[in-house]
Amino acid sequence: MVEQLNMVIARHRTTIELTAVMMRIVSFSLVSWLGPKSPFLFVWAFNTADAVALSWCAVLRKDKAYTLLNVFWIGVGIVGMIRAHGF
C-alpha cells in the first residue's frame, strides 16, 4: 500500500511540491494580512499539511536537507496547532 502511494507521489512529485509551496505561501500570507485576527489553528494545520507533502517528496528524492527542513516544520506546526487550540 505504502509502495503504491510512493509510486503515485513520485509520478506527480512536481505538482505535489508546487501545490504544497503554494499552500505555504497562502498560510503565511493570511498571517501577514490578518495579523492577530488570523485563523491560527487553520494556518498551522494547513502549514503542517504542506510540510508533510514536502517531507514525503524530499524523502523519495533522498534530499536530506529538505527532509530535515520540512520535518522540522511538521514539528513547528504541531506546536503551533497545540498553542492555537489553547493548551
Protein backbone atom coordinates (compact mmCIF):
# COMPACT_ATOMS: atom_id res chain seq x y z
CA MET A 1 0.00 0.00 0.00
CA VAL A 2 2.72 2.46 1.01
CA GLU A 3 4.81 1.46 -2.00
CA GLN A 4 1.87 2.16 -4.32
CA LEU A 5 1.37 5.55 -2.66
CA ASN A 6 5.08 6.28 -3.05
CA MET A 7 4.82 5.48 -6.77
CA VAL A 8 1.86 7.84 -7.20
CA ILE A 9 3.65 10.59 -5.28
CA ALA A 10 6.85 10.07 -7.28
CA ARG A 11 4.87 10.24 -10.53
CA HIS A 12 3.20 13.53 -9.52
CA ARG A 13 6.03 14.92 -7.37
CA THR A 14 6.42 18.24 -9.20
CA THR A 15 2.71 19.01 -8.97
CA ILE A 16 2.57 17.98 -5.30
CA GLU A 17 5.59 20.11 -4.44
CA LEU A 18 4.23 23.14 -6.29
CA THR A 19 0.85 22.76 -4.59
CA ALA A 20 2.50 22.44 -1.17
CA VAL A 21 4.66 25.52 -1.75
CA MET A 22 1.54 27.47 -2.77
CA MET A 23 -0.17 26.25 0.41
CA ARG A 24 2.73 27.58 2.48
CA ILE A 25 2.58 30.95 0.71
CA VAL A 26 -1.17 31.16 1.37
CA SER A 27 -0.85 30.23 5.04
CA PHE A 28 1.84 32.81 5.77
CA SER A 29 0.08 35.42 3.65
CA LEU A 30 -3.02 35.00 5.82
CA VAL A 31 -0.97 35.73 8.92
CA SER A 32 0.69 38.71 7.24
CA TRP A 33 -2.60 40.18 6.03
CA LEU A 34 -4.82 39.43 9.02
CA GLY A 35 -2.30 39.69 11.88
CA PRO A 36 -3.88 38.86 15.25
CA LYS A 37 -7.23 38.17 13.54
CA SER A 38 -5.71 35.22 11.65
CA PRO A 39 -7.35 31.79 11.98
CA PHE A 40 -4.17 30.40 13.59
CA LEU A 41 -5.38 26.82 14.03
CA PHE A 42 -6.28 26.66 10.33
CA VAL A 43 -2.99 28.32 9.34
CA TRP A 44 -0.92 25.85 11.36
CA ALA A 45 -2.93 22.84 10.15
CA PHE A 46 -2.57 23.99 6.54
CA ASN A 47 1.15 24.65 7.05
CA THR A 48 1.65 21.24 8.64
CA ALA A 49 -0.15 19.51 5.76
CA ASP A 50 2.14 21.16 3.23
CA ALA A 51 5.17 20.21 5.35
CA VAL A 52 4.05 16.57 5.30
CA ALA A 53 3.72 16.65 1.50
CA LEU A 54 7.08 18.36 1.03
CA SER A 55 8.78 15.99 3.50
CA TRP A 56 7.42 12.94 1.71
CA CYS A 57 8.63 14.25 -1.65
CA ALA A 58 12.05 15.07 -0.18
CA VAL A 59 12.35 11.57 1.32
CA LEU A 60 11.53 10.00 -2.05
CA ARG A 61 14.17 12.21 -3.71
CA LYS A 62 16.62 11.31 -0.93
CA ASP A 63 17.15 15.02 -0.26
CA LYS A 64 18.35 15.10 3.35
CA ALA A 65 18.41 18.88 3.71
CA TYR A 66 14.80 19.41 2.59
CA THR A 67 13.66 16.36 4.53
CA LEU A 68 15.15 17.83 7.71
CA LEU A 69 13.75 21.29 6.99
CA ASN A 70 10.22 20.08 6.35
CA VAL A 71 10.17 17.56 9.20
CA PHE A 72 11.18 20.50 11.40
CA TRP A 73 8.17 22.42 10.01
CA ILE A 74 5.91 19.49 10.88
CA GLY A 75 7.11 19.79 14.49
CA VAL A 76 6.63 23.57 14.45
CA GLY A 77 3.15 23.07 13.01
CA ILE A 78 2.18 20.59 15.72
CA VAL A 79 3.34 23.02 18.42
CA GLY A 80 1.51 25.84 16.63
CA MET A 81 -1.73 23.85 16.50
CA ILE A 82 -1.44 22.96 20.18
CA ARG A 83 -0.87 26.62 21.10
CA ALA A 84 -3.65 27.83 18.77
CA HIS A 85 -6.02 25.35 20.41
CA GLY A 86 -5.32 26.98 23.77
CA PHE A 87 -3.07 24.45 25.51
